[in-house]
């Protein structure tokens, strides 16, 4: 449920798992921590951009760039609005190029 909250949510969600594993052994706790980091990085850099790009219809690299720029410029609200704004810009440029090519 905490995956919905950006940045902080996944960290808060991982803490109990690592603590429970560490209560068994330090190796289990360290393994849970490393596995959690790998899964989060894979999700954030591969899965989420791919899903967003398939849904929005834009390139995954453009999705990552839009999310980075939107988050940097507008914080959480900028990151939320980044992909829709990128789709609008891409559509406007495509339509402009199509109309320019037809004349």
PDB file of N, CA and C in Angstrom:
ATOM      1  N   UNK A   1       0.824  -1.201   0.000  1.00  0.00           N
ATOM      2  CA  UNK A   1       0.000   0.000   0.000  1.00  0.00           C
ATOM      3  C   UNK A   1       0.862   1.256   0.000  1.00  0.00           C
ATOM      4  N   UNK A   2       2.035   1.184   0.606  1.00  0.00           N
ATOM      5  CA  UNK A   2       2.885   2.365   0.670  1.00  0.00           C
ATOM      6  C   UNK A   2       3.610   2.651  -0.647  1.00  0.00           C
ATOM      7  N   UNK A   3       3.566   1.739  -1.610  1.00  0.00           N
ATOM      8  CA  UNK A   3       4.176   1.979  -2.915  1.00  0.00           C
ATOM      9  C   UNK A   3       3.537   3.168  -3.613  1.00  0.00           C
ATOM     10  N   UNK A   4       2.315   3.525  -3.232  1.00  0.00           N
ATOM     11  CA  UNK A   4       1.617   4.651  -3.852  1.00  0.00           C
ATOM     12  C   UNK A   4       2.286   5.966  -3.476  1.00  0.00           C
ATOM     13  N   UNK A   5       2.841   6.065  -2.289  1.00  0.00           N
ATOM     14  CA  UNK A   5       3.491   7.289  -1.832  1.00  0.00           C
ATOM     15  C   UNK A   5       4.882   7.362  -2.475  1.00  0.00           C
ATOM     16  N   UNK A   6       5.152   8.396  -3.285  1.00  0.00           N
ATOM     17  CA  UNK A   6       6.444   8.471  -3.957  1.00  0.00           C
ATOM     18  C   UNK A   6       7.602   8.647  -2.979  1.00  0.00           C
ATOM     19  N   UNK A   7       8.728   8.123  -3.321  1.00  0.00           N
ATOM     20  CA  UNK A   7      10.014   8.221  -2.643  1.00  0.00           C
ATOM     21  C   UNK A   7       9.990   7.621  -1.242  1.00  0.00           C
ATOM     22  N   UNK A   8       9.220   8.165  -0.340  1.00  0.00           N
ATOM     23  CA  UNK A   8       9.249   7.737   1.055  1.00  0.00           C
ATOM     24  C   UNK A   8       8.494   6.428   1.271  1.00  0.00           C
ATOM     25  N   UNK A   9       7.422   6.209   0.539  1.00  0.00           N
ATOM     26  CA  UNK A   9       6.587   5.028   0.712  1.00  0.00           C
ATOM     27  C   UNK A   9       7.324   3.710   0.594  1.00  0.00           C
ATOM     28  N   UNK A  10       8.085   3.499  -0.490  1.00  0.00           N
ATOM     29  CA  UNK A  10       8.813   2.235  -0.618  1.00  0.00           C
ATOM     30  C   UNK A  10       9.849   2.025   0.487  1.00  0.00           C
ATOM     31  N   UNK A  11      10.456   3.091   0.949  1.00  0.00           N
ATOM     32  CA  UNK A  11      11.447   2.970   2.028  1.00  0.00           C
ATOM     33  C   UNK A  11      10.765   2.543   3.316  1.00  0.00           C
ATOM     34  N   UNK A  12       9.652   3.202   3.632  1.00  0.00           N
ATOM     35  CA  UNK A  12       8.909   2.856   4.842  1.00  0.00           C
ATOM     36  C   UNK A  12       8.372   1.425   4.754  1.00  0.00           C
ATOM     37  N   UNK A  13       7.972   1.008   3.562  1.00  0.00           N
ATOM     38  CA  UNK A  13       7.452  -0.348   3.386  1.00  0.00           C
ATOM     39  C   UNK A  13       8.546  -1.403   3.552  1.00  0.00           C
ATOM     40  N   UNK A  14       9.774  -1.068   3.213  1.00  0.00           N
ATOM     41  CA  UNK A  14      10.872  -2.034   3.304  1.00  0.00           C
ATOM     42  C   UNK A  14      11.451  -2.198   4.696  1.00  0.00           C
ATOM     43  N   UNK A  15      11.315  -1.205   5.530  1.00  0.00           N
ATOM     44  CA  UNK A  15      11.911  -1.245   6.873  1.00  0.00           C
ATOM     45  C   UNK A  15      11.402  -2.433   7.698  1.00  0.00           C
ATOM     46  N   UNK A  16      10.095  -2.686   7.786  1.00  0.00           N
ATOM     47  CA  UNK A  16       9.646  -3.834   8.586  1.00  0.00           C
ATOM     48  C   UNK A  16      10.187  -5.172   8.074  1.00  0.00           C
ATOM     49  N   UNK A  17      10.255  -5.327   6.753  1.00  0.00           N
ATOM     50  CA  UNK A  17      10.764  -6.579   6.198  1.00  0.00           C
ATOM     51  C   UNK A  17      12.220  -6.794   6.575  1.00  0.00           C
ATOM     52  N   UNK A  18      13.005  -5.759   6.471  1.00  0.00           N
ATOM     53  CA  UNK A  18      14.427  -5.870   6.824  1.00  0.00           C
ATOM     54  C   UNK A  18      14.580  -6.114   8.325  1.00  0.00           C
ATOM     55  N   UNK A  19      13.776  -5.456   9.133  1.00  0.00           N
ATOM     56  CA  UNK A  19      13.871  -5.651  10.589  1.00  0.00           C
ATOM     57  C   UNK A  19      13.488  -7.075  10.991  1.00  0.00           C
ATOM     58  N   UNK A  20      12.433  -7.610  10.389  1.00  0.00           N
ATOM     59  CA  UNK A  20      12.018  -8.983  10.701  1.00  0.00           C
ATOM     60  C   UNK A  20      13.106  -9.961  10.276  1.00  0.00           C
ATOM     61  N   UNK A  21      13.663  -9.747   9.071  1.00  0.00           N
ATOM     62  CA  UNK A  21      14.732 -10.630   8.605  1.00  0.00           C
ATOM     63  C   UNK A  21      15.974 -10.502   9.478  1.00  0.00           C
ATOM     64  N   UNK A  22      16.301  -9.291   9.918  1.00  0.00           N
ATOM     65  CA  UNK A  22      17.475  -9.082  10.769  1.00  0.00           C
ATOM     66  C   UNK A  22      17.284  -9.694  12.144  1.00  0.00           C
ATOM     67  N   UNK A  23      16.059  -9.843  12.591  1.00  0.00           N
ATOM     68  CA  UNK A  23      15.827 -10.467  13.889  1.00  0.00           C
ATOM     69  C   UNK A  23      16.175 -11.955  13.847  1.00  0.00           C
ATOM     70  N   UNK A  24      16.126 -12.538  12.653  1.00  0.00           N
ATOM     71  CA  UNK A  24      16.518 -13.941  12.486  1.00  0.00           C
ATOM     72  C   UNK A  24      18.030 -14.061  12.464  1.00  0.00           C
ATOM     73  N   UNK A  25      18.679 -13.291  11.584  1.00  0.00           N
ATOM     74  CA  UNK A  25      20.140 -13.241  11.520  1.00  0.00           C
ATOM     75  C   UNK A  25      20.545 -11.985  10.770  1.00  0.00           C
ATOM     76  N   UNK A  26      21.768 -11.546  11.012  1.00  0.00           N
ATOM     77  CA  UNK A  26      22.254 -10.364  10.310  1.00  0.00           C
ATOM     78  C   UNK A  26      22.392 -10.628   8.818  1.00  0.00           C
ATOM     79  N   UNK A  27      22.775 -11.861   8.458  1.00  0.00           N
ATOM     80  CA  UNK A  27      22.878 -12.209   7.045  1.00  0.00           C
ATOM     81  C   UNK A  27      21.518 -12.107   6.363  1.00  0.00           C
ATOM     82  N   UNK A  28      20.468 -12.614   7.014  1.00  0.00           N
ATOM     83  CA  UNK A  28      19.118 -12.536   6.450  1.00  0.00           C
ATOM     84  C   UNK A  28      18.676 -11.077   6.333  1.00  0.00           C
ATOM     85  N   UNK A  29      18.983 -10.271   7.323  1.00  0.00           N
ATOM     86  CA  UNK A  29      18.636  -8.851   7.277  1.00  0.00           C
ATOM     87  C   UNK A  29      19.371  -8.136   6.166  1.00  0.00           C
ATOM     88  N   UNK A  30      20.665  -8.412   6.032  1.00  0.00           N
ATOM     89  CA  UNK A  30      21.452  -7.807   4.949  1.00  0.00           C
ATOM     90  C   UNK A  30      20.977  -8.271   3.582  1.00  0.00           C
ATOM     91  N   UNK A  31      20.643  -9.552   3.493  1.00  0.00           N
ATOM     92  CA  UNK A  31      20.140 -10.088   2.223  1.00  0.00           C
ATOM     93  C   UNK A  31      18.807  -9.451   1.848  1.00  0.00           C
ATOM     94  N   UNK A  32      17.931  -9.295   2.823  1.00  0.00           N
ATOM     95  CA  UNK A  32      16.636  -8.663   2.564  1.00  0.00           C
ATOM     96  C   UNK A  32      16.833  -7.219   2.117  1.00  0.00           C
ATOM     97  N   UNK A  33      17.763  -6.533   2.739  1.00  0.00           N
ATOM     98  CA  UNK A  33      18.052  -5.140   2.383  1.00  0.00           C
ATOM     99  C   UNK A  33      18.568  -5.035   0.949  1.00  0.00           C
ATOM    100  N   UNK A  34      19.541  -5.886   0.595  1.00  0.00           N
ATOM    101  CA  UNK A  34      20.120  -5.860  -0.753  1.00  0.00           C
ATOM    102  C   UNK A  34      19.068  -6.245  -1.792  1.00  0.00           C
ATOM    103  N   UNK A  35      18.293  -7.277  -1.513  1.00  0.00           N
ATOM    104  CA  UNK A  35      17.252  -7.698  -2.429  1.00  0.00           C
ATOM    105  C   UNK A  35      16.211  -6.590  -2.610  1.00  0.00           C
ATOM    106  N   UNK A  36      15.854  -5.948  -1.521  1.00  0.00           N
ATOM    107  CA  UNK A  36      14.900  -4.857  -1.579  1.00  0.00           C
ATOM    108  C   UNK A  36      15.431  -3.717  -2.446  1.00  0.00           C
ATOM    109  N   UNK A  37      16.705  -3.358  -2.292  1.00  0.00           N
ATOM    110  CA  UNK A  37      17.304  -2.298  -3.108  1.00  0.00           C
ATOM    111  C   UNK A  37      17.300  -2.662  -4.587  1.00  0.00           C
ATOM    112  N   UNK A  38      17.660  -3.908  -4.892  1.00  0.00           N
ATOM    113  CA  UNK A  38      17.678  -4.350  -6.291  1.00  0.00           C
ATOM    114  C   UNK A  38      16.279  -4.284  -6.892  1.00  0.00           C
ATOM    115  N   UNK A  39      15.298  -4.771  -6.166  1.00  0.00           N
ATOM    116  CA  UNK A  39      13.916  -4.750  -6.662  1.00  0.00           C
ATOM    117  C   UNK A  39      13.436  -3.315  -6.872  1.00  0.00           C
ATOM    118  N   UNK A  40      13.707  -2.430  -5.923  1.00  0.00           N
ATOM    119  CA  UNK A  40      13.278  -1.039  -6.052  1.00  0.00           C
ATOM    120  C   UNK A  40      13.938  -0.359  -7.242  1.00  0.00           C
ATOM    121  N   UNK A  41      15.233  -0.573  -7.423  1.00  0.00           N
ATOM    122  CA  UNK A  41      15.924   0.048  -8.552  1.00  0.00           C
ATOM    123  C   UNK A  41      15.400  -0.489  -9.880  1.00  0.00           C
ATOM    124  N   UNK A  42      15.171  -1.792  -9.947  1.00  0.00           N
ATOM    125  CA  UNK A  42      14.624  -2.390 -11.156  1.00  0.00           C
ATOM    126  C   UNK A  42      13.237  -1.825 -11.452  1.00  0.00           C
ATOM    127  N   UNK A  43      12.436  -1.714 -10.427  1.00  0.00           N
ATOM    128  CA  UNK A  43      11.088  -1.168 -10.605  1.00  0.00           C
ATOM    129  C   UNK A  43      11.141   0.282 -11.063  1.00  0.00           C
ATOM    130  N   UNK A  44      11.966   1.097 -10.407  1.00  0.00           N
ATOM    131  CA  UNK A  44      12.011   2.530 -10.701  1.00  0.00           C
ATOM    132  C   UNK A  44      12.637   2.857 -12.048  1.00  0.00           C
ATOM    133  N   UNK A  45      13.584   2.047 -12.510  1.00  0.00           N
ATOM    134  CA  UNK A  45      14.286   2.388 -13.742  1.00  0.00           C
ATOM    135  C   UNK A  45      13.844   1.594 -14.960  1.00  0.00           C
ATOM    136  N   UNK A  46      13.154   0.476 -14.765  1.00  0.00           N
ATOM    137  CA  UNK A  46      12.748  -0.345 -15.904  1.00  0.00           C
ATOM    138  C   UNK A  46      11.236  -0.517 -15.970  1.00  0.00           C
ATOM    139  N   UNK A  47      10.640  -1.041 -14.930  1.00  0.00           N
ATOM    140  CA  UNK A  47       9.234  -1.436 -14.984  1.00  0.00           C
ATOM    141  C   UNK A  47       8.300  -0.231 -15.068  1.00  0.00           C
ATOM    142  N   UNK A  48       8.457   0.734 -14.173  1.00  0.00           N
ATOM    143  CA  UNK A  48       7.555   1.897 -14.159  1.00  0.00           C
ATOM    144  C   UNK A  48       7.641   2.688 -15.467  1.00  0.00           C
ATOM    145  N   UNK A  49       8.848   3.030 -15.964  1.00  0.00           N
ATOM    146  CA  UNK A  49       8.880   3.748 -17.247  1.00  0.00           C
ATOM    147  C   UNK A  49       8.266   2.945 -18.392  1.00  0.00           C
ATOM    148  N   UNK A  50       8.457   1.625 -18.401  1.00  0.00           N
ATOM    149  CA  UNK A  50       7.886   0.802 -19.460  1.00  0.00           C
ATOM    150  C   UNK A  50       6.356   0.815 -19.401  1.00  0.00           C
ATOM    151  N   UNK A  51       5.811   0.651 -18.212  1.00  0.00           N
ATOM    152  CA  UNK A  51       4.350   0.642 -18.053  1.00  0.00           C
ATOM    153  C   UNK A  51       3.776   2.008 -18.419  1.00  0.00           C
ATOM    154  N   UNK A  52       4.401   3.071 -17.955  1.00  0.00           N
ATOM    155  CA  UNK A  52       3.909   4.414 -18.266  1.00  0.00           C
ATOM    156  C   UNK A  52       4.002   4.670 -19.767  1.00  0.00           C
ATOM    157  N   UNK A  53       5.106   4.247 -20.396  1.00  0.00           N
ATOM    158  CA  UNK A  53       5.260   4.481 -21.826  1.00  0.00           C
ATOM    159  C   UNK A  53       4.229   3.708 -22.636  1.00  0.00           C
ATOM    160  N   UNK A  54       3.921   2.471 -22.215  1.00  0.00           N
ATOM    161  CA  UNK A  54       2.901   1.684 -22.918  1.00  0.00           C
ATOM    162  C   UNK A  54       1.520   2.314 -22.729  1.00  0.00           C
ATOM    163  N   UNK A  55       1.267   2.851 -21.555  1.00  0.00           N
ATOM    164  CA  UNK A  55      -0.022   3.466 -21.271  1.00  0.00           C
ATOM    165  C   UNK A  55      -0.156   4.813 -21.988  1.00  0.00           C
ATOM    166  N   UNK A  56       0.887   5.623 -21.900  1.00  0.00           N
ATOM    167  CA  UNK A  56       0.834   6.967 -22.480  1.00  0.00           C
ATOM    168  C   UNK A  56       1.224   6.987 -23.951  1.00  0.00           C
ATOM    169  N   UNK A  57       1.926   5.955 -24.414  1.00  0.00           N
ATOM    170  CA  UNK A  57       2.311   5.892 -25.810  1.00  0.00           C
ATOM    171  C   UNK A  57       3.562   6.673 -26.156  1.00  0.00           C
ATOM    172  N   UNK A  58       4.434   6.920 -25.167  1.00  0.00           N
ATOM    173  CA  UNK A  58       5.687   7.602 -25.465  1.00  0.00           C
ATOM    174  C   UNK A  58       6.862   6.695 -25.105  1.00  0.00           C
ATOM    175  N   UNK A  59       8.016   7.031 -25.634  1.00  0.00           N
ATOM    176  CA  UNK A  59       9.237   6.268 -25.431  1.00  0.00           C
ATOM    177  C   UNK A  59       9.607   6.208 -23.942  1.00  0.00           C
ATOM    178  N   UNK A  60      10.080   5.036 -23.455  1.00  0.00           N
ATOM    179  CA  UNK A  60      10.469   4.935 -22.038  1.00  0.00           C
ATOM    180  C   UNK A  60      11.565   5.926 -21.631  1.00  0.00           C
ATOM    181  N   UNK A  61      12.495   6.213 -22.535  1.00  0.00           N
ATOM    182  CA  UNK A  61      13.546   7.195 -22.220  1.00  0.00           C
ATOM    183  C   UNK A  61      12.924   8.575 -22.025  1.00  0.00           C
ATOM    184  N   UNK A  62      11.970   8.914 -22.887  1.00  0.00           N
ATOM    185  CA  UNK A  62      11.277  10.202 -22.732  1.00  0.00           C
ATOM    186  C   UNK A  62      10.489  10.240 -21.427  1.00  0.00           C
ATOM    187  N   UNK A  63       9.956   9.095 -21.027  1.00  0.00           N
ATOM    188  CA  UNK A  63       9.238   9.020 -19.753  1.00  0.00           C
ATOM    189  C   UNK A  63      10.180   9.316 -18.595  1.00  0.00           C
ATOM    190  N   UNK A  64      11.365   8.687 -18.604  1.00  0.00           N
ATOM    191  CA  UNK A  64      12.346   8.937 -17.545  1.00  0.00           C
ATOM    192  C   UNK A  64      12.787  10.393 -17.523  1.00  0.00           C
ATOM    193  N   UNK A  65      13.040  10.945 -18.709  1.00  0.00           N
ATOM    194  CA  UNK A  65      13.466  12.349 -18.781  1.00  0.00           C
ATOM    195  C   UNK A  65      12.352  13.264 -18.270  1.00  0.00           C
ATOM    196  N   UNK A  66      11.118  12.994 -18.700  1.00  0.00           N
ATOM    197  CA  UNK A  66       9.995  13.824 -18.254  1.00  0.00           C
ATOM    198  C   UNK A  66       9.822  13.748 -16.742  1.00  0.00           C
ATOM    199  N   UNK A  67       9.900  12.532 -16.184  1.00  0.00           N
ATOM    200  CA  UNK A  67       9.763  12.389 -14.734  1.00  0.00           C
ATOM    201  C   UNK A  67      10.886  13.101 -13.993  1.00  0.00           C
ATOM    202  N   UNK A  68      12.112  13.002 -14.502  1.00  0.00           N
ATOM    203  CA  UNK A  68      13.254  13.666 -13.859  1.00  0.00           C
ATOM    204  C   UNK A  68      13.110  15.179 -13.897  1.00  0.00           C
ATOM    205  N   UNK A  69      12.798  15.710 -15.077  1.00  0.00           N
ATOM    206  CA  UNK A  69      12.660  17.160 -15.221  1.00  0.00           C
ATOM    207  C   UNK A  69      11.458  17.665 -14.421  1.00  0.00           C
ATOM    208  N   UNK A  70      10.341  16.972 -14.536  1.00  0.00           N
ATOM    209  CA  UNK A  70       9.146  17.392 -13.804  1.00  0.00           C
ATOM    210  C   UNK A  70       9.351  17.361 -12.300  1.00  0.00           C
ATOM    211  N   UNK A  71      10.003  16.306 -11.815  1.00  0.00           N
ATOM    212  CA  UNK A  71      10.282  16.215 -10.381  1.00  0.00           C
ATOM    213  C   UNK A  71      11.250  17.279  -9.907  1.00  0.00           C
ATOM    214  N   UNK A  72      12.239  17.570 -10.743  1.00  0.00           N
ATOM    215  CA  UNK A  72      13.238  18.583 -10.376  1.00  0.00           C
ATOM    216  C   UNK A  72      12.625  19.980 -10.368  1.00  0.00           C
ATOM    217  N   UNK A  73      11.807  20.265 -11.370  1.00  0.00           N
ATOM    218  CA  UNK A  73      11.235  21.615 -11.477  1.00  0.00           C
ATOM    219  C   UNK A  73      10.024  21.831 -10.575  1.00  0.00           C
ATOM    220  N   UNK A  74       9.191  20.787 -10.437  1.00  0.00           N
ATOM    221  CA  UNK A  74       7.939  21.000  -9.718  1.00  0.00           C
ATOM    222  C   UNK A  74       7.713  20.115  -8.517  1.00  0.00           C
ATOM    223  N   UNK A  75       8.742  19.371  -8.109  1.00  0.00           N
ATOM    224  CA  UNK A  75       8.584  18.499  -6.955  1.00  0.00           C
ATOM    225  C   UNK A  75       7.595  17.378  -7.246  1.00  0.00           C
ATOM    226  N   UNK A  76       6.812  17.008  -6.258  1.00  0.00           N
ATOM    227  CA  UNK A  76       5.852  15.918  -6.393  1.00  0.00           C
ATOM    228  C   UNK A  76       4.798  16.235  -7.451  1.00  0.00           C
ATOM    229  N   UNK A  77       4.257  17.444  -7.430  1.00  0.00           N
ATOM    230  CA  UNK A  77       3.255  17.828  -8.422  1.00  0.00           C
ATOM    231  C   UNK A  77       3.849  17.807  -9.828  1.00  0.00           C
ATOM    232  N   UNK A  78       5.087  18.250  -9.963  1.00  0.00           N
ATOM    233  CA  UNK A  78       5.754  18.222 -11.263  1.00  0.00           C
ATOM    234  C   UNK A  78       5.955  16.810 -11.769  1.00  0.00           C
ATOM    235  N   UNK A  79       6.304  15.883 -10.874  1.00  0.00           N
ATOM    236  CA  UNK A  79       6.484  14.486 -11.272  1.00  0.00           C
ATOM    237  C   UNK A  79       5.156  13.859 -11.678  1.00  0.00           C
ATOM    238  N   UNK A  80       4.085  14.233 -10.999  1.00  0.00           N
ATOM    239  CA  UNK A  80       2.766  13.693 -11.335  1.00  0.00           C
ATOM    240  C   UNK A  80       2.304  14.204 -12.699  1.00  0.00           C
ATOM    241  N   UNK A  81       2.578  15.463 -12.986  1.00  0.00           N
ATOM    242  CA  UNK A  81       2.123  16.059 -14.235  1.00  0.00           C
ATOM    243  C   UNK A  81       3.105  15.888 -15.385  1.00  0.00           C
ATOM    244  N   UNK A  82       4.283  15.351 -15.134  1.00  0.00           N
ATOM    245  CA  UNK A  82       5.340  15.290 -16.146  1.00  0.00           C
ATOM    246  C   UNK A  82       4.948  14.478 -17.370  1.00  0.00           C
ATOM    247  N   UNK A  83       4.428  13.292 -17.187  1.00  0.00           N
ATOM    248  CA  UNK A  83       4.104  12.436 -18.334  1.00  0.00           C
ATOM    249  C   UNK A  83       2.932  13.009 -19.147  1.00  0.00           C
ATOM    250  N   UNK A  84       1.845  13.450 -18.520  1.00  0.00           N
ATOM    251  CA  UNK A  84       0.785  14.061 -19.345  1.00  0.00           C
ATOM    252  C   UNK A  84       1.261  15.283 -20.128  1.00  0.00           C
ATOM    253  N   UNK A  85       2.100  16.103 -19.516  1.00  0.00           N
ATOM    254  CA  UNK A  85       2.631  17.272 -20.223  1.00  0.00           C
ATOM    255  C   UNK A  85       3.525  16.818 -21.376  1.00  0.00           C
ATOM    256  N   UNK A  86       4.333  15.795 -21.161  1.00  0.00           N
ATOM    257  CA  UNK A  86       5.191  15.274 -22.229  1.00  0.00           C
ATOM    258  C   UNK A  86       4.358  14.730 -23.386  1.00  0.00           C
ATOM    259  N   UNK A  87       3.250  14.061 -23.083  1.00  0.00           N
ATOM    260  CA  UNK A  87       2.373  13.538 -24.134  1.00  0.00           C
ATOM    261  C   UNK A  87       1.749  14.686 -24.922  1.00  0.00           C
ATOM    262  N   UNK A  88       1.318  15.740 -24.234  1.00  0.00           N
ATOM    263  CA  UNK A  88       0.735  16.894 -24.915  1.00  0.00           C
ATOM    264  C   UNK A  88       1.769  17.549 -25.817  1.00  0.00           C
ATOM    265  N   UNK A  89       2.985  17.729 -25.323  1.00  0.00           N
ATOM    266  CA  UNK A  89       4.045  18.348 -26.128  1.00  0.00           C
ATOM    267  C   UNK A  89       4.379  17.471 -27.327  1.00  0.00           C
ATOM    268  N   UNK A  90       4.507  16.176 -27.110  1.00  0.00           N
ATOM    269  CA  UNK A  90       4.823  15.277 -28.216  1.00  0.00           C
ATOM    270  C   UNK A  90       3.722  15.288 -29.272  1.00  0.00           C
ATOM    271  N   UNK A  91       2.474  15.290 -28.848  1.00  0.00           N
ATOM    272  CA  UNK A  91       1.352  15.328 -29.786  1.00  0.00           C
ATOM    273  C   UNK A  91       1.331  16.643 -30.554  1.00  0.00           C
ATOM    274  N   UNK A  92       1.563  17.749 -29.876  1.00  0.00           N
ATOM    275  CA  UNK A  92       1.566  19.059 -30.535  1.00  0.00           C
ATOM    276  C   UNK A  92       2.686  19.137 -31.572  1.00  0.00           C
ATOM    277  N   UNK A  93       3.863  18.661 -31.228  1.00  0.00           N
ATOM    278  CA  UNK A  93       4.985  18.683 -32.168  1.00  0.00           C
ATOM    279  C   UNK A  93       4.702  17.773 -33.359  1.00  0.00           C
ATOM    280  N   UNK A  94       4.147  16.594 -33.115  1.00  0.00           N
ATOM    281  CA  UNK A  94       3.820  15.666 -34.202  1.00  0.00           C
ATOM    282  C   UNK A  94       2.785  16.267 -35.145  1.00  0.00           C
ATOM    283  N   UNK A  95       1.758  16.894 -34.585  1.00  0.00           N
ATOM    284  CA  UNK A  95       0.736  17.531 -35.418  1.00  0.00           C
ATOM    285  C   UNK A  95       1.310  18.701 -36.204  1.00  0.00           C
ATOM    286  N   UNK A  96       2.168  19.485 -35.585  1.00  0.00           N
ATOM    287  CA  UNK A  96       2.811  20.605 -36.272  1.00  0.00           C
ATOM    288  C   UNK A  96       3.667  20.101 -37.424  1.00  0.00           C
ATOM    289  N   UNK A  97       4.433  19.057 -37.180  1.00  0.00           N
ATOM    290  CA  UNK A  97       5.287  18.500 -38.232  1.00  0.00           C
ATOM    291  C   UNK A  97       4.446  17.901 -39.365  1.00  0.00           C
ATOM    292  N   UNK A  98       3.328  17.263 -39.022  1.00  0.00           N
ATOM    293  CA  UNK A  98       2.459  16.673 -40.040  1.00  0.00           C
ATOM    294  C   UNK A  98       1.833  17.782 -40.892  1.00  0.00           C
ATOM    295  N   UNK A  99       1.364  18.859 -40.248  1.00  0.00           N
ATOM    296  CA  UNK A  99       0.747  19.944 -41.006  1.00  0.00           C
ATOM    297  C   UNK A  99       1.781  20.683 -41.849  1.00  0.00           C
ATOM    298  N   UNK A 100       2.965  20.774 -41.369  1.00  0.00           N
ATOM    299  CA  UNK A 100       4.046  21.432 -42.105  1.00  0.00           C
ATOM    300  C   UNK A 100       4.468  20.594 -43.303  1.00  0.00           C
ATOM    301  N   UNK A 101       4.456  19.291 -43.148  1.00  0.00           N
ATOM    302  CA  UNK A 101       4.844  18.380 -44.221  1.00  0.00           C
ATOM    303  C   UNK A 101       3.794  18.347 -45.327  1.00  0.00           C
ATOM    304  N   UNK A 102       2.517  18.505 -44.960  1.00  0.00           N
ATOM    305  CA  UNK A 102       1.424  18.456 -45.938  1.00  0.00           C
ATOM    306  C   UNK A 102       1.331  19.716 -46.783  1.00  0.00           C
ATOM    307  N   UNK A 103       1.933  20.809 -46.359  1.00  0.00           N
ATOM    308  CA  UNK A 103       1.826  22.036 -47.143  1.00  0.00           C
ATOM    309  C   UNK A 103       2.972  22.241 -48.055  1.00  0.00           C
TER     310      UNK A 103
END
